[in-house]
All heavy atoms as atom14 arrays in JSON, in Angstrom:
{
  "sequence": "SMNRRNAIKTVSSLFGSMAFAALATEQLKAGDFS",
  "atom14_mask": [
    [1, 1, 1, 1, 1, 1, 0, 0, 0, 0, 0, 0, 0, 0],
    [1, 1, 1, 1, 1, 1, 1, 1, 0, 0, 0, 0, 0, 0],
    [1, 1, 1, 1, 1, 1, 1, 1, 0, 0, 0, 0, 0, 0],
    [1, 1, 1, 1, 1, 1, 1, 1, 1, 1, 1, 0, 0, 0],
    [1, 1, 1, 1, 1, 1, 1, 1, 1, 1, 1, 0, 0, 0],
    [1, 1, 1, 1, 1, 1, 1, 1, 0, 0, 0, 0, 0, 0],
    [1, 1, 1, 1, 1, 0, 0, 0, 0, 0, 0, 0, 0, 0],
    [1, 1, 1, 1, 1, 1, 1, 1, 0, 0, 0, 0, 0, 0],
    [1, 1, 1, 1, 1, 1, 1, 1, 1, 0, 0, 0, 0, 0],
    [1, 1, 1, 1, 1, 1, 1, 0, 0, 0, 0, 0, 0, 0],
    [1, 1, 1, 1, 1, 1, 1, 0, 0, 0, 0, 0, 0, 0],
    [1, 1, 1, 1, 1, 1, 0, 0, 0, 0, 0, 0, 0, 0],
    [1, 1, 1, 1, 1, 1, 0, 0, 0, 0, 0, 0, 0, 0],
    [1, 1, 1, 1, 1, 1, 1, 1, 0, 0, 0, 0, 0, 0],
    [1, 1, 1, 1, 1, 1, 1, 1, 1, 1, 1, 0, 0, 0],
    [1, 1, 1, 1, 0, 0, 0, 0, 0, 0, 0, 0, 0, 0],
    [1, 1, 1, 1, 1, 1, 0, 0, 0, 0, 0, 0, 0, 0],
    [1, 1, 1, 1, 1, 1, 1, 1, 0, 0, 0, 0, 0, 0],
    [1, 1, 1, 1, 1, 0, 0, 0, 0, 0, 0, 0, 0, 0],
    [1, 1, 1, 1, 1, 1, 1, 1, 1, 1, 1, 0, 0, 0],
    [1, 1, 1, 1, 1, 0, 0, 0, 0, 0, 0, 0, 0, 0],
    [1, 1, 1, 1, 1, 0, 0, 0, 0, 0, 0, 0, 0, 0],
    [1, 1, 1, 1, 1, 1, 1, 1, 0, 0, 0, 0, 0, 0],
    [1, 1, 1, 1, 1, 0, 0, 0, 0, 0, 0, 0, 0, 0],
    [1, 1, 1, 1, 1, 1, 1, 0, 0, 0, 0, 0, 0, 0],
    [1, 1, 1, 1, 1, 1, 1, 1, 1, 0, 0, 0, 0, 0],
    [1, 1, 1, 1, 1, 1, 1, 1, 1, 0, 0, 0, 0, 0],
    [1, 1, 1, 1, 1, 1, 1, 1, 0, 0, 0, 0, 0, 0],
    [1, 1, 1, 1, 1, 1, 1, 1, 1, 0, 0, 0, 0, 0],
    [1, 1, 1, 1, 1, 0, 0, 0, 0, 0, 0, 0, 0, 0],
    [1, 1, 1, 1, 0, 0, 0, 0, 0, 0, 0, 0, 0, 0],
    [1, 1, 1, 1, 1, 1, 1, 1, 0, 0, 0, 0, 0, 0],
    [1, 1, 1, 1, 1, 1, 1, 1, 1, 1, 1, 0, 0, 0],
    [1, 1, 1, 1, 1, 1, 0, 0, 0, 0, 0, 0, 0, 0]
  ],
  "atom14_positions": [
    [[31.53, 96.3, 9.65], [30.76, 97.29, 10.34], [29.31, 96.86, 10.5], [28.67, 97.06, 11.49], [30.77, 98.62, 9.5], [30.24, 98.38, 8.2], [0.0, 0.0, 0.0], [0.0, 0.0, 0.0], [0.0, 0.0, 0.0], [0.0, 0.0, 0.0], [0.0, 0.0, 0.0], [0.0, 0.0, 0.0], [0.0, 0.0, 0.0], [0.0, 0.0, 0.0]],
    [[28.8, 96.12, 9.5], [27.45, 95.58, 9.61], [27.4, 94.53, 10.7], [26.42, 94.45, 11.46], [27.04, 94.96, 8.28], [25.58, 94.39, 8.29], [24.35, 95.65, 8.63], [24.36, 96.53, 7.06], [0.0, 0.0, 0.0], [0.0, 0.0, 0.0], [0.0, 0.0, 0.0], [0.0, 0.0, 0.0], [0.0, 0.0, 0.0], [0.0, 0.0, 0.0]],
    [[28.43, 93.71, 10.84], [28.46, 92.74, 11.86], [28.48, 93.35, 13.27], [27.83, 92.92, 14.18], [29.68, 91.83, 11.74], [29.49, 90.88, 10.53], [28.38, 90.57, 10.13], [30.62, 90.45, 9.96], [0.0, 0.0, 0.0], [0.0, 0.0, 0.0], [0.0, 0.0, 0.0], [0.0, 0.0, 0.0], [0.0, 0.0, 0.0], [0.0, 0.0, 0.0]],
    [[29.26, 94.44, 13.34], [29.31, 95.13, 14.64], [27.97, 95.77, 14.98], [27.51, 95.69, 16.11], [30.42, 96.19, 14.61], [31.85, 95.63, 14.65], [32.81, 96.75, 14.98], [32.84, 97.8, 13.98], [33.59, 97.78, 12.87], [34.4, 96.73, 12.65], [33.57, 98.73, 11.99], [0.0, 0.0, 0.0], [0.0, 0.0, 0.0], [0.0, 0.0, 0.0]],
    [[27.32, 96.31, 13.95], [26.05, 96.95, 14.17], [25.01, 95.91, 14.62], [24.27, 96.14, 15.53], [25.54, 97.63, 12.87], [24.23, 98.44, 13.03], [23.83, 99.11, 11.76], [24.82, 100.07, 11.29], [25.51, 99.92, 10.18], [25.31, 98.87, 9.37], [26.41, 100.82, 9.79], [0.0, 0.0, 0.0], [0.0, 0.0, 0.0], [0.0, 0.0, 0.0]],
    [[25.02, 94.78, 13.94], [24.05, 93.71, 14.36], [24.38, 93.21, 15.75], [23.45, 92.92, 16.52], [24.19, 92.54, 13.38], [23.51, 92.84, 12.04], [22.69, 93.77, 12.0], [23.9, 92.13, 11.02], [0.0, 0.0, 0.0], [0.0, 0.0, 0.0], [0.0, 0.0, 0.0], [0.0, 0.0, 0.0], [0.0, 0.0, 0.0], [0.0, 0.0, 0.0]],
    [[25.67, 93.1, 16.07], [26.04, 92.63, 17.41], [25.54, 93.6, 18.51], [25.03, 93.22, 19.51], [27.53, 92.48, 17.48], [0.0, 0.0, 0.0], [0.0, 0.0, 0.0], [0.0, 0.0, 0.0], [0.0, 0.0, 0.0], [0.0, 0.0, 0.0], [0.0, 0.0, 0.0], [0.0, 0.0, 0.0], [0.0, 0.0, 0.0], [0.0, 0.0, 0.0]],
    [[25.69, 94.94, 18.2], [25.29, 95.96, 19.15], [23.75, 95.92, 19.34], [23.25, 95.95, 20.49], [25.74, 97.37, 18.71], [27.27, 97.47, 18.78], [25.1, 98.45, 19.56], [27.79, 98.74, 18.16], [0.0, 0.0, 0.0], [0.0, 0.0, 0.0], [0.0, 0.0, 0.0], [0.0, 0.0, 0.0], [0.0, 0.0, 0.0], [0.0, 0.0, 0.0]],
    [[23.05, 95.75, 18.23], [21.59, 95.69, 18.28], [21.15, 94.5, 19.09], [20.25, 94.5, 19.91], [20.97, 95.61, 16.89], [21.06, 96.95, 16.16], [20.61, 96.83, 14.69], [19.16, 96.39, 14.61], [18.72, 96.26, 13.21], [0.0, 0.0, 0.0], [0.0, 0.0, 0.0], [0.0, 0.0, 0.0], [0.0, 0.0, 0.0], [0.0, 0.0, 0.0]],
    [[21.84, 93.34, 18.83], [21.45, 92.09, 19.51], [21.68, 92.21, 21.03], [20.87, 91.84, 21.83], [22.24, 90.94, 18.97], [21.97, 90.82, 17.55], [21.88, 89.62, 19.65], [0.0, 0.0, 0.0], [0.0, 0.0, 0.0], [0.0, 0.0, 0.0], [0.0, 0.0, 0.0], [0.0, 0.0, 0.0], [0.0, 0.0, 0.0], [0.0, 0.0, 0.0]],
    [[22.89, 92.72, 21.39], [23.23, 92.88, 22.79], [22.25, 93.85, 23.48], [21.81, 93.59, 24.62], [24.7, 93.32, 22.93], [24.98, 93.68, 24.43], [25.65, 92.24, 22.48], [0.0, 0.0, 0.0], [0.0, 0.0, 0.0], [0.0, 0.0, 0.0], [0.0, 0.0, 0.0], [0.0, 0.0, 0.0], [0.0, 0.0, 0.0], [0.0, 0.0, 0.0]],
    [[21.96, 94.96, 22.77], [21.05, 95.92, 23.38], [19.67, 95.27, 23.62], [19.05, 95.53, 24.64], [20.85, 97.12, 22.39], [22.1, 97.76, 22.19], [0.0, 0.0, 0.0], [0.0, 0.0, 0.0], [0.0, 0.0, 0.0], [0.0, 0.0, 0.0], [0.0, 0.0, 0.0], [0.0, 0.0, 0.0], [0.0, 0.0, 0.0], [0.0, 0.0, 0.0]],
    [[19.2, 94.52, 22.65], [17.91, 93.86, 22.85], [17.94, 92.88, 23.97], [17.01, 92.75, 24.77], [17.52, 93.1, 21.54], [17.38, 93.98, 20.49], [0.0, 0.0, 0.0], [0.0, 0.0, 0.0], [0.0, 0.0, 0.0], [0.0, 0.0, 0.0], [0.0, 0.0, 0.0], [0.0, 0.0, 0.0], [0.0, 0.0, 0.0], [0.0, 0.0, 0.0]],
    [[19.11, 92.18, 24.13], [19.26, 91.23, 25.21], [19.18, 91.89, 26.56], [18.49, 91.47, 27.49], [20.55, 90.44, 25.04], [20.88, 89.42, 26.16], [19.8, 88.37, 26.21], [22.22, 88.8, 25.9], [0.0, 0.0, 0.0], [0.0, 0.0, 0.0], [0.0, 0.0, 0.0], [0.0, 0.0, 0.0], [0.0, 0.0, 0.0], [0.0, 0.0, 0.0]],
    [[19.93, 93.04, 26.66], [19.9, 93.78, 27.95], [18.51, 94.27, 28.25], [18.05, 94.2, 29.39], [20.87, 94.98, 27.89], [22.33, 94.58, 27.93], [23.29, 95.36, 27.28], [22.75, 93.4, 28.53], [24.63, 94.96, 27.28], [24.07, 93.01, 28.54], [25.02, 93.82, 27.94], [0.0, 0.0, 0.0], [0.0, 0.0, 0.0], [0.0, 0.0, 0.0]],
    [[17.8, 94.78, 27.18], [16.48, 95.27, 27.38], [15.54, 94.12, 27.86], [14.72, 94.32, 28.77], [0.0, 0.0, 0.0], [0.0, 0.0, 0.0], [0.0, 0.0, 0.0], [0.0, 0.0, 0.0], [0.0, 0.0, 0.0], [0.0, 0.0, 0.0], [0.0, 0.0, 0.0], [0.0, 0.0, 0.0], [0.0, 0.0, 0.0], [0.0, 0.0, 0.0]],
    [[15.64, 92.97, 27.2], [14.86, 91.84, 27.6], [15.1, 91.36, 29.02], [14.21, 91.08, 29.76], [15.08, 90.69, 26.61], [14.75, 91.03, 25.31], [0.0, 0.0, 0.0], [0.0, 0.0, 0.0], [0.0, 0.0, 0.0], [0.0, 0.0, 0.0], [0.0, 0.0, 0.0], [0.0, 0.0, 0.0], [0.0, 0.0, 0.0], [0.0, 0.0, 0.0]],
    [[16.4, 91.35, 29.38], [16.76, 90.97, 30.76], [16.19, 91.93, 31.77], [15.67, 91.56, 32.8], [18.3, 90.88, 30.87], [18.92, 89.76, 30.07], [20.73, 89.8, 30.07], [21.1, 89.61, 31.78], [0.0, 0.0, 0.0], [0.0, 0.0, 0.0], [0.0, 0.0, 0.0], [0.0, 0.0, 0.0], [0.0, 0.0, 0.0], [0.0, 0.0, 0.0]],
    [[16.29, 93.25, 31.44], [15.76, 94.23, 32.37], [14.25, 94.12, 32.47], [13.69, 94.17, 33.61], [16.14, 95.65, 31.85], [0.0, 0.0, 0.0], [0.0, 0.0, 0.0], [0.0, 0.0, 0.0], [0.0, 0.0, 0.0], [0.0, 0.0, 0.0], [0.0, 0.0, 0.0], [0.0, 0.0, 0.0], [0.0, 0.0, 0.0], [0.0, 0.0, 0.0]],
    [[13.57, 93.92, 31.38], [12.11, 93.77, 31.39], [11.75, 92.55, 32.18], [10.77, 92.57, 32.99], [11.54, 93.65, 29.98], [10.05, 93.71, 29.91], [9.34, 94.9, 29.73], [9.32, 92.53, 30.1], [7.98, 94.9, 29.7], [7.93, 92.59, 30.04], [7.28, 93.76, 29.89], [0.0, 0.0, 0.0], [0.0, 0.0, 0.0], [0.0, 0.0, 0.0]],
    [[12.45, 91.43, 31.93], [12.12, 90.2, 32.66], [12.25, 90.36, 34.13], [11.45, 89.86, 34.96], [13.04, 89.06, 32.16], [0.0, 0.0, 0.0], [0.0, 0.0, 0.0], [0.0, 0.0, 0.0], [0.0, 0.0, 0.0], [0.0, 0.0, 0.0], [0.0, 0.0, 0.0], [0.0, 0.0, 0.0], [0.0, 0.0, 0.0], [0.0, 0.0, 0.0]],
    [[13.32, 91.08, 34.56], [13.52, 91.29, 35.98], [12.4, 92.15, 36.58], [11.87, 91.85, 37.64], [14.89, 92.0, 36.22], [0.0, 0.0, 0.0], [0.0, 0.0, 0.0], [0.0, 0.0, 0.0], [0.0, 0.0, 0.0], [0.0, 0.0, 0.0], [0.0, 0.0, 0.0], [0.0, 0.0, 0.0], [0.0, 0.0, 0.0], [0.0, 0.0, 0.0]],
    [[12.06, 93.23, 35.84], [10.95, 94.07, 36.28], [9.66, 93.31, 36.31], [8.9, 93.42, 37.31], [10.82, 95.27, 35.33], [9.66, 96.21, 35.55], [9.76, 96.87, 36.91], [9.57, 97.26, 34.42], [0.0, 0.0, 0.0], [0.0, 0.0, 0.0], [0.0, 0.0, 0.0], [0.0, 0.0, 0.0], [0.0, 0.0, 0.0], [0.0, 0.0, 0.0]],
    [[9.41, 92.5, 35.29], [8.18, 91.77, 35.23], [8.07, 90.78, 36.39], [6.98, 90.56, 36.99], [8.07, 91.01, 33.91], [0.0, 0.0, 0.0], [0.0, 0.0, 0.0], [0.0, 0.0, 0.0], [0.0, 0.0, 0.0], [0.0, 0.0, 0.0], [0.0, 0.0, 0.0], [0.0, 0.0, 0.0], [0.0, 0.0, 0.0], [0.0, 0.0, 0.0]],
    [[9.17, 90.12, 36.69], [9.18, 89.11, 37.78], [8.83, 89.81, 39.12], [8.06, 89.28, 39.9], [10.54, 88.44, 37.89], [10.84, 87.79, 36.67], [10.58, 87.42, 39.03], [0.0, 0.0, 0.0], [0.0, 0.0, 0.0], [0.0, 0.0, 0.0], [0.0, 0.0, 0.0], [0.0, 0.0, 0.0], [0.0, 0.0, 0.0], [0.0, 0.0, 0.0]],
    [[9.42, 90.95, 39.38], [9.15, 91.66, 40.62], [7.72, 92.13, 40.68], [7.03, 91.99, 41.73], [10.08, 92.85, 40.76], [11.57, 92.53, 40.95], [11.74, 91.64, 42.19], [11.18, 91.95, 43.27], [12.45, 90.6, 42.09], [0.0, 0.0, 0.0], [0.0, 0.0, 0.0], [0.0, 0.0, 0.0], [0.0, 0.0, 0.0], [0.0, 0.0, 0.0]],
    [[7.19, 92.56, 39.55], [5.82, 93.07, 39.54], [4.84, 91.92, 39.67], [3.77, 92.05, 40.26], [5.54, 93.87, 38.24], [6.24, 95.22, 38.3], [5.99, 96.0, 37.02], [6.02, 95.45, 35.94], [5.75, 97.3, 37.13], [0.0, 0.0, 0.0], [0.0, 0.0, 0.0], [0.0, 0.0, 0.0], [0.0, 0.0, 0.0], [0.0, 0.0, 0.0]],
    [[5.2, 90.78, 39.11], [4.35, 89.61, 39.26], [4.3, 89.18, 40.7], [3.21, 88.85, 41.22], [4.89, 88.48, 38.39], [4.14, 87.13, 38.46], [2.66, 87.33, 38.03], [4.79, 86.06, 37.61], [0.0, 0.0, 0.0], [0.0, 0.0, 0.0], [0.0, 0.0, 0.0], [0.0, 0.0, 0.0], [0.0, 0.0, 0.0], [0.0, 0.0, 0.0]],
    [[5.4, 89.19, 41.39], [5.42, 88.82, 42.77], [4.55, 89.78, 43.59], [3.86, 89.38, 44.52], [6.85, 88.84, 43.32], [7.73, 87.69, 42.75], [9.15, 87.8, 43.31], [10.01, 86.7, 42.73], [11.42, 86.8, 43.22], [0.0, 0.0, 0.0], [0.0, 0.0, 0.0], [0.0, 0.0, 0.0], [0.0, 0.0, 0.0], [0.0, 0.0, 0.0]],
    [[4.57, 91.01, 43.17], [3.84, 92.07, 43.92], [2.4, 92.16, 43.45], [1.64, 92.91, 44.06], [4.55, 93.45, 43.79], [0.0, 0.0, 0.0], [0.0, 0.0, 0.0], [0.0, 0.0, 0.0], [0.0, 0.0, 0.0], [0.0, 0.0, 0.0], [0.0, 0.0, 0.0], [0.0, 0.0, 0.0], [0.0, 0.0, 0.0], [0.0, 0.0, 0.0]],
    [[2.08, 91.49, 42.37], [0.72, 91.6, 41.83], [0.46, 92.92, 41.14], [-0.65, 93.31, 41.02], [0.0, 0.0, 0.0], [0.0, 0.0, 0.0], [0.0, 0.0, 0.0], [0.0, 0.0, 0.0], [0.0, 0.0, 0.0], [0.0, 0.0, 0.0], [0.0, 0.0, 0.0], [0.0, 0.0, 0.0], [0.0, 0.0, 0.0], [0.0, 0.0, 0.0]],
    [[1.55, 93.61, 40.73], [1.42, 94.93, 40.1], [1.7, 94.79, 38.62], [2.71, 94.41, 38.17], [2.46, 95.88, 40.74], [2.37, 97.26, 40.12], [1.41, 97.53, 39.41], [3.31, 98.07, 40.44], [0.0, 0.0, 0.0], [0.0, 0.0, 0.0], [0.0, 0.0, 0.0], [0.0, 0.0, 0.0], [0.0, 0.0, 0.0], [0.0, 0.0, 0.0]],
    [[0.69, 95.21, 37.79], [0.8, 95.06, 36.34], [0.88, 96.44, 35.64], [0.72, 96.5, 34.46], [-0.37, 94.24, 35.81], [-0.39, 92.82, 36.28], [-0.99, 92.52, 37.44], [0.26, 91.88, 35.56], [-0.96, 91.18, 37.9], [0.26, 90.57, 36.01], [-0.33, 90.2, 37.19], [0.0, 0.0, 0.0], [0.0, 0.0, 0.0], [0.0, 0.0, 0.0]],
    [[1.04, 97.48, 36.39], [1.08, 98.83, 35.82], [2.56, 99.18, 35.44], [3.48, 98.48, 35.75], [0.55, 99.85, 36.83], [1.37, 99.84, 38.01], [0.0, 0.0, 0.0], [0.0, 0.0, 0.0], [0.0, 0.0, 0.0], [0.0, 0.0, 0.0], [0.0, 0.0, 0.0], [0.0, 0.0, 0.0], [0.0, 0.0, 0.0], [0.0, 0.0, 0.0]]
  ]
}
């Protein structure tokens, strides 16, 4: 159960990071930092 919990947390963080990176890339291209 602990392994599953860690796996879920890790995957969730990865998805969040990927989403943020995508958003950041688009905002960087647009020069928008808000």
